[in-house]
Structure formats: structure tokens, C-alpha cells
C-alpha atoms as a PDB file:
ATOM      1  CA  MET A   1      12.752  12.870   5.126  1.00  0.00           C
ATOM      2  CA  ARG A   2      12.175  10.626   8.154  1.00  0.00           C
ATOM      3  CA  SER A   3      12.001  13.687  10.379  1.00  0.00           C
ATOM      4  CA  SER A   4       9.138  15.134   8.313  1.00  0.00           C
ATOM      5  CA  VAL A   5       7.202  11.859   8.531  1.00  0.00           C
ATOM      6  CA  LEU A   6       7.929  11.660  12.256  1.00  0.00           C
ATOM      7  CA  TRP A   7       6.752  15.249  12.783  1.00  0.00           C
ATOM      8  CA  SER A   8       3.563  14.514  10.852  1.00  0.00           C
ATOM      9  CA  GLN A   9       2.733  11.776  13.336  1.00  0.00           C
ATOM     10  CA  VAL A  10       3.858  13.780  16.372  1.00  0.00           C
ATOM     11  CA  CYS A  11       1.663  16.679  15.278  1.00  0.00           C
ATOM     12  CA  LEU A  12      -1.327  14.388  14.813  1.00  0.00           C
ATOM     13  CA  ALA A  13      -0.788  12.650  18.171  1.00  0.00           C
ATOM     14  CA  VAL A  14      -0.025  15.713  20.305  1.00  0.00           C
ATOM     15  CA  PHE A  15      -2.870  17.892  19.074  1.00  0.00           C
ATOM     16  CA  SER A  16      -5.270  14.935  19.149  1.00  0.00           C
ATOM     17  CA  ALA A  17      -4.262  14.372  22.784  1.00  0.00           C
ATOM     18  CA  ILE A  18      -4.944  18.063  23.473  1.00  0.00           C
ATOM     19  CA  CYS A  19      -8.442  17.656  22.018  1.00  0.00           C
ATOM     20  CA  ILE A  20      -9.097  14.660  24.249  1.00  0.00           C
ATOM     21  CA  ALA A  21      -7.733  16.484  27.302  1.00  0.00           C
ATOM     22  CA  LEU A  22      -9.939  19.502  26.589  1.00  0.00           C
ATOM     23  CA  HIS A  23     -13.091  17.424  26.221  1.00  0.00           C
ATOM     24  CA  PRO A  24     -12.730  13.683  26.929  1.00  0.00           C
ATOM     25  CA  GLY A  25     -16.501  13.206  26.953  1.00  0.00           C
ATOM     26  CA  PHE A  26     -16.747  13.335  23.164  1.00  0.00           C
ATOM     27  CA  VAL A  27     -14.988  10.018  22.694  1.00  0.00           C
ATOM     28  CA  LEU A  28     -14.214   8.388  26.039  1.00  0.00           C
ATOM     29  CA  LYS A  29     -17.609   6.901  26.826  1.00  0.00           C
ATOM     30  CA  TRP A  30     -19.426   3.622  26.257  1.00  0.00           C
ATOM     31  CA  ASN A  31     -21.387   4.888  23.263  1.00  0.00           C
ATOM     32  CA  GLU A  32     -18.345   6.553  21.753  1.00  0.00           C
ATOM     33  CA  ALA A  33     -18.400   8.764  18.723  1.00  0.00           C
ATOM     34  CA  GLY A  34     -15.689   9.412  16.163  1.00  0.00           C
ATOM     35  CA  PHE A  35     -12.793  11.802  16.472  1.00  0.00           C
ATOM     36  CA  SER A  36     -14.476  14.259  14.086  1.00  0.00           C
ATOM     37  CA  ASN A  37     -16.601  15.534  16.960  1.00  0.00           C
ATOM     38  CA  TYR A  38     -13.590  17.597  17.974  1.00  0.00           C
ATOM     39  CA  GLY A  39     -13.702  19.508  14.703  1.00  0.00           C
ATOM     40  CA  ILE A  40     -17.206  20.881  15.187  1.00  0.00           C
ATOM     41  CA  HIS A  41     -16.879  22.419  18.660  1.00  0.00           C
ATOM     42  CA  ILE A  42     -15.293  25.799  19.383  1.00  0.00           C
ATOM     43  CA  LYS A  43     -13.315  24.449  22.347  1.00  0.00           C
ATOM     44  CA  THR A  44     -11.486  21.820  20.292  1.00  0.00           C
ATOM     45  CA  ALA A  45     -11.710  22.932  16.646  1.00  0.00           C
ATOM     46  CA  VAL A  46      -8.322  24.690  16.644  1.00  0.00           C
ATOM     47  CA  PRO A  47      -6.209  21.813  18.021  1.00  0.00           C
ATOM     48  CA  TYR A  48      -8.217  19.384  15.852  1.00  0.00           C
ATOM     49  CA  SER A  49      -7.428  21.460  12.772  1.00  0.00           C
ATOM     50  CA  ILE A  50      -3.748  21.798  13.714  1.00  0.00           C
ATOM     51  CA  ALA A  51      -3.525  18.015  14.215  1.00  0.00           C
ATOM     52  CA  PHE A  52      -4.747  17.195  10.719  1.00  0.00           C
ATOM     53  CA  PHE A  53      -3.397  20.171   8.762  1.00  0.00           C
ATOM     54  CA  GLY A  54      -0.016  19.821  10.505  1.00  0.00           C
ATOM     55  CA  CYS A  55       0.077  16.111   9.723  1.00  0.00           C
ATOM     56  CA  ALA A  56      -0.733  16.841   6.077  1.00  0.00           C
ATOM     57  CA  LEU A  57       1.859  19.612   5.874  1.00  0.00           C
ATOM     58  CA  TYR A  58       4.710  17.467   7.199  1.00  0.00           C
ATOM     59  CA  ALA A  59       3.668  14.508   5.027  1.00  0.00           C
ATOM     60  CA  ALA A  60       3.737  16.836   1.999  1.00  0.00           C
ATOM     61  CA  ARG A  61       7.231  18.020   2.998  1.00  0.00           C
ATOM     62  CA  ALA A  62       8.371  14.399   2.989  1.00  0.00           C
ATOM     63  CA  VAL A  63       6.851  13.949  -0.496  1.00  0.00           C
ATOM     64  CA  ARG A  64       8.980  16.842  -1.737  1.00  0.00           C
ATOM     65  CA  ALA A  65      12.084  15.257  -0.213  1.00  0.00           C
ATOM     66  CA  LEU A  66      11.421  12.058  -2.176  1.00  0.00           C
ATOM     67  CA  ALA A  67      11.135  13.691  -5.592  1.00  0.00           C
ATOM     68  CA  ASP A  68      13.085  12.000  -8.427  1.00  0.00           C
ATOM     69  CA  LEU A  69      14.132   8.924  -6.459  1.00  0.00           C
ATOM     70  CA  GLY A  70      13.913   5.172  -7.008  1.00  0.00           C
ATOM     71  CA  PRO A  71      10.707   3.156  -7.609  1.00  0.00           C
ATOM     72  CA  VAL A  72      10.069   2.164  -3.966  1.00  0.00           C
ATOM     73  CA  ALA A  73      10.655   5.757  -2.863  1.00  0.00           C
ATOM     74  CA  ARG A  74       8.254   6.970  -5.561  1.00  0.00           C
ATOM     75  CA  THR A  75       5.582   4.556  -4.315  1.00  0.00           C
ATOM     76  CA  TYR A  76       6.227   5.648  -0.737  1.00  0.00           C
ATOM     77  CA  SER A  77       6.004   9.258  -1.915  1.00  0.00           C
ATOM     78  CA  ALA A  78       2.627   8.529  -3.541  1.00  0.00           C
ATOM     79  CA  VAL A  79       1.429   6.964  -0.273  1.00  0.00           C
ATOM     80  CA  LEU A  80       2.419  10.109   1.631  1.00  0.00           C
ATOM     81  CA  PHE A  81       0.766  12.319  -0.978  1.00  0.00           C
ATOM     82  CA  VAL A  82      -2.544  10.436  -0.770  1.00  0.00           C
ATOM     83  CA  TYR A  83      -2.281  10.429   3.026  1.00  0.00           C
ATOM     84  CA  ALA A  84      -1.780  14.212   3.088  1.00  0.00           C
ATOM     85  CA  ILE A  85      -4.821  14.707   0.845  1.00  0.00           C
ATOM     86  CA  LEU A  86      -6.932  12.429   3.058  1.00  0.00           C
ATOM     87  CA  MET A  87      -5.906  14.396   6.153  1.00  0.00           C
ATOM     88  CA  VAL A  88      -6.893  17.690   4.508  1.00  0.00           C
ATOM     89  CA  LEU A  89     -10.190  16.248   3.247  1.00  0.00           C
ATOM     90  CA  THR A  90     -10.922  14.917   6.729  1.00  0.00           C
ATOM     91  CA  VAL A  91     -10.597  18.367   8.270  1.00  0.00           C
ATOM     92  CA  ILE A  92     -12.441  20.212   5.534  1.00  0.00           C
ATOM     93  CA  SER A  93     -15.304  17.716   5.484  1.00  0.00           C
ATOM     94  CA  THR A  94     -15.559  17.803   9.284  1.00  0.00           C
ATOM     95  CA  TYR A  95     -16.497  21.450   9.578  1.00  0.00           C
ATOM     96  CA  GLY A  96     -19.850  21.131   7.845  1.00  0.00           C
ATOM     97  CA  TYR A  97     -20.794  17.475   8.202  1.00  0.00           C
ATOM     98  CA  THR A  98     -23.555  18.233  10.698  1.00  0.00           C
ATOM     99  CA  LEU A  99     -25.259  20.731   8.362  1.00  0.00           C
ATOM    100  CA  ASN A 100     -26.886  18.328   5.899  1.00  0.00           C
ATOM    101  CA  HIS A 101     -26.901  14.738   4.656  1.00  0.00           C
ATOM    102  CA  GLY A 102     -24.758  15.452   1.592  1.00  0.00           C
ATOM    103  CA  LEU A 103     -21.897  16.877   3.664  1.00  0.00           C
ATOM    104  CA  LYS A 104     -22.253  14.077   6.213  1.00  0.00           C
ATOM    105  CA  ASP A 105     -22.123  11.483   3.436  1.00  0.00           C
ATOM    106  CA  PHE A 106     -18.999  13.123   1.977  1.00  0.00           C
ATOM    107  CA  HIS A 107     -17.335  13.118   5.396  1.00  0.00           C
ATOM    108  CA  THR A 108     -18.305   9.471   5.910  1.00  0.00           C
ATOM    109  CA  VAL A 109     -16.875   8.491   2.516  1.00  0.00           C
ATOM    110  CA  VAL A 110     -13.589  10.274   3.327  1.00  0.00           C
ATOM    111  CA  GLY A 111     -13.488   8.401   6.647  1.00  0.00           C
ATOM    112  CA  ILE A 112     -14.161   5.052   5.008  1.00  0.00           C
ATOM    113  CA  ILE A 113     -11.502   5.651   2.351  1.00  0.00           C
ATOM    114  CA  THR A 114      -9.006   6.565   5.083  1.00  0.00           C
ATOM    115  CA  MET A 115      -9.932   3.515   7.173  1.00  0.00           C
ATOM    116  CA  LEU A 116      -9.335   1.292   4.113  1.00  0.00           C
ATOM    117  CA  PHE A 117      -6.265   3.129   2.828  1.00  0.00           C
ATOM    118  CA  GLU A 118      -4.320   2.800   6.069  1.00  0.00           C
ATOM    119  CA  PRO A 119      -4.579  -1.015   6.422  1.00  0.00           C
ATOM    120  CA  LEU A 120      -3.730  -1.512   2.743  1.00  0.00           C
ATOM    121  CA  VAL A 121      -0.628   0.645   3.133  1.00  0.00           C
ATOM    122  CA  VAL A 122       0.264  -1.145   6.372  1.00  0.00           C
ATOM    123  CA  LEU A 123       0.151  -4.458   4.506  1.00  0.00           C
ATOM    124  CA  TRP A 124       2.290  -2.988   1.715  1.00  0.00           C
ATOM    125  CA  MET A 125       4.873  -1.739   4.241  1.00  0.00           C
ATOM    126  CA  TYR A 126       4.750  -4.946   6.287  1.00  0.00           C
ATOM    127  CA  VAL A 127       5.539  -7.081   3.240  1.00  0.00           C
ATOM    128  CA  ARG A 128       8.543  -4.879   2.485  1.00  0.00           C
ATOM    129  CA  LEU A 129       9.894  -4.333   6.005  1.00  0.00           C
ATOM    130  CA  ARG A 130      12.006  -6.770   7.967  1.00  0.00           C
ATOM    131  CA  ARG A 131       9.462  -8.793   9.923  1.00  0.00           C
ATOM    132  CA  THR A 132      10.289  -8.124  13.525  1.00  0.00           C
ATOM    133  CA  LEU A 133       8.106  -8.618  16.569  1.00  0.00           C
ATOM    134  CA  TRP A 134       7.347  -4.873  16.433  1.00  0.00           C
ATOM    135  CA  THR A 135       6.152  -4.926  12.800  1.00  0.00           C
ATOM    136  CA  ARG A 136       4.022  -7.999  13.530  1.00  0.00           C
ATOM    137  CA  VAL A 137       2.457  -6.290  16.558  1.00  0.00           C
ATOM    138  CA  LEU A 138       1.713  -3.178  14.492  1.00  0.00           C
ATOM    139  CA  LEU A 139       0.108  -5.289  11.756  1.00  0.00           C
ATOM    140  CA  GLY A 140      -2.024  -6.982  14.414  1.00  0.00           C
ATOM    141  CA  ILE A 141      -3.066  -3.628  15.906  1.00  0.00           C
ATOM    142  CA  GLU A 142      -3.993  -2.368  12.443  1.00  0.00           C
ATOM    143  CA  LEU A 143      -6.145  -5.416  11.747  1.00  0.00           C
ATOM    144  CA  VAL A 144      -7.868  -5.162  15.140  1.00  0.00           C
ATOM    145  CA  GLY A 145      -8.606  -1.493  14.414  1.00  0.00           C
ATOM    146  CA  LEU A 146     -10.015  -2.351  10.989  1.00  0.00           C
ATOM    147  CA  THR A 147     -12.186  -5.081  12.525  1.00  0.00           C
ATOM    148  CA  LEU A 148     -13.518  -2.634  15.117  1.00  0.00           C
ATOM    149  CA  ALA A 149     -14.271  -0.119  12.352  1.00  0.00           C
ATOM    150  CA  VAL A 150     -16.363  -2.747  10.559  1.00  0.00           C
ATOM    151  CA  ILE A 151     -18.139  -3.611  13.831  1.00  0.00           C
ATOM    152  CA  ASP A 152     -18.917   0.078  14.324  1.00  0.00           C
ATOM    153  CA  TYR A 153     -20.053   0.526  10.726  1.00  0.00           C
ATOM    154  CA  LEU A 154     -22.433  -2.419  11.105  1.00  0.00           C
ATOM    155  CA  VAL A 155     -23.764  -0.743  14.296  1.00  0.00           C
ATOM    156  CA  ILE A 156     -22.956  -3.759  16.449  1.00  0.00           C
ATOM    157  CA  LEU A 157     -20.929  -1.663  18.916  1.00  0.00           C
ATOM    158  CA  HIS A 158     -20.029   2.020  18.901  1.00  0.00           C
ATOM    159  CA  VAL A 159     -16.240   1.749  18.890  1.00  0.00           C
ATOM    160  CA  LEU A 160     -15.316   4.190  16.120  1.00  0.00           C
ATOM    161  CA  PHE A 161     -12.874   6.243  18.185  1.00  0.00           C
ATOM    162  CA  LEU A 162     -11.009   3.142  19.370  1.00  0.00           C
ATOM    163  CA  ALA A 163     -10.858   1.864  15.781  1.00  0.00           C
ATOM    164  CA  GLN A 164      -9.527   5.240  14.604  1.00  0.00           C
ATOM    165  CA  VAL A 165      -6.858   5.380  17.319  1.00  0.00           C
ATOM    166  CA  LEU A 166      -5.632   1.833  16.710  1.00  0.00           C
ATOM    167  CA  THR A 167      -5.434   2.133  12.930  1.00  0.00           C
ATOM    168  CA  ALA A 168      -3.841   5.594  13.051  1.00  0.00           C
ATOM    169  CA  PHE A 169      -1.242   4.474  15.607  1.00  0.00           C
ATOM    170  CA  ALA A 170      -0.182   1.346  13.730  1.00  0.00           C
ATOM    171  CA  PHE A 171      -0.204   3.142  10.385  1.00  0.00           C
ATOM    172  CA  GLY A 172       1.822   6.067  11.740  1.00  0.00           C
ATOM    173  CA  ALA A 173       4.388   3.856  13.473  1.00  0.00           C
ATOM    174  CA  LEU A 174       4.995   1.803  10.324  1.00  0.00           C
ATOM    175  CA  LEU A 175       5.075   4.963   8.218  1.00  0.00           C
ATOM    176  CA  VAL A 176       7.866   6.368  10.402  1.00  0.00           C
ATOM    177  CA  ARG A 177       9.712   3.019  10.405  1.00  0.00           C
ATOM    178  CA  SER A 178       9.544   2.846   6.602  1.00  0.00           C
ATOM    179  CA  ALA A 179      10.799   6.413   6.278  1.00  0.00           C
ATOM    180  CA  GLY A 180      13.684   5.523   8.569  1.00  0.00           C
ATOM    181  CA  ARG A 181      14.605   2.573   6.369  1.00  0.00           C
ATOM    182  CA  LEU A 182      14.518   4.780   3.277  1.00  0.00           C
ATOM    183  CA  ASP A 183      16.866   7.221   4.977  1.00  0.00           C
ATOM    184  CA  GLU A 184      19.167   4.450   6.254  1.00  0.00           C
ATOM    185  CA  VAL A 185      19.787   2.542   3.040  1.00  0.00           C
ATOM    186  CA  GLY A 186      19.071   5.206   0.441  1.00  0.00           C
ATOM    187  CA  SER A 187      16.112   5.299  -1.855  1.00  0.00           C
ATOM    188  CA  HIS A 188      18.019   3.869  -4.843  1.00  0.00           C
ATOM    189  CA  ALA A 189      18.870   0.595  -3.101  1.00  0.00           C
ATOM    190  CA  ALA A 190      17.291  -2.545  -4.522  1.00  0.00           C
ATOM    191  CA  ASN A 191      15.927  -3.781  -1.175  1.00  0.00           C
ATOM    192  CA  VAL A 192      15.070  -0.537   0.575  1.00  0.00           C
ATOM    193  CA  PHE A 193      12.981  -2.046   3.357  1.00  0.00           C
ATOM    194  CA  ARG A 194      15.010  -5.188   4.091  1.00  0.00           C
END
């Protein structure tokens, strides 16, 4: 199960890096835009789609591996299921968000839900994981990313891409760590994450 969660994050990271390498100007600038810009351009639409659909696919595989297990594993499975749906909705809503206000609003709502979902799940995992320096650092990165997302939303600074990278990194790292703990101690254990 951990390998599926790990591959979901590897897929997201590698194909996102390919998008950035193909066209760094979309996001690596002072007035940066969000990562969704990669989904609307021919040059980057394929790796963008693979990043998110691949992430969703591997997360869904991990959900299947957690079927009929203990309560913490069921909650973790639900987290992965919602995450997979959010990844699919992100891609699907990206393709047409520049066509009209309704599609743009839908894409924005999906983005906001994702940006709120990830920190909430990070807090849930952090409370349940052994508090090491690494988990504390990841929690801090997640909170910095969330703060930057709010700053971008309020149009104080355009730092959406940085906010997306920070929250996705911290979320993904803790997701993989939690999956590893589930695999190590078994999903029926009373203190799965300790």
C-alpha cells in the first residue's frame, strides 16, 4: 500500500517537474500564476495530465489495498479517496477554465477545496504520527504554504505556485510517511501511527 502512495507522489512530482522544465515561464516569475497554466497549453498539457491522473490512479490503488481494515486505515482510505477525486477534478476543471466564468469559478472552487483539504489532513496525520523533527518541519511547511495561498487569494502578492508547491510537498511527504506506518505496524493495531 505504501508503494502505491509513494508512486502517486512520485508521479505528481516528476511530471510536474517536466512541465516546469518545458516552460518555466508560466510559474517561475515575480507575478507567478498557478500550476493549472500547464494544463491549458499544448506543450505541457500531456505531462500535466499524467501528473494528476497518475497521482489519482495510484492513490485509488492504495484505497483498494485498504479495503476492510481497521478504523484508522478506513479513515486513511477515505482521505486517499477524496484526494484522488480532487486530483481528477483539478485536471478536468483545468482544461476549460479559460473558456468562461462558470468553468473558471468551478476550477477555483476545486483549488480552494484542495488547498484547505491538504492542511486539514496534514494536521490529522501530524496528531497521529510520532512527532519527530521531520514531521514538525512538514507541518511548518504546510502552514507556510497555506498562509501564502491566503496572501495570494487576497491579491496581496501573486505567490500561488509557491503556495501550491509547499502544500503539495508537505502533504505528500506526510501521506507517504503515514502509509509507511500503516504498513509497518498493520492496520488493525490500536496505535497505528505511534
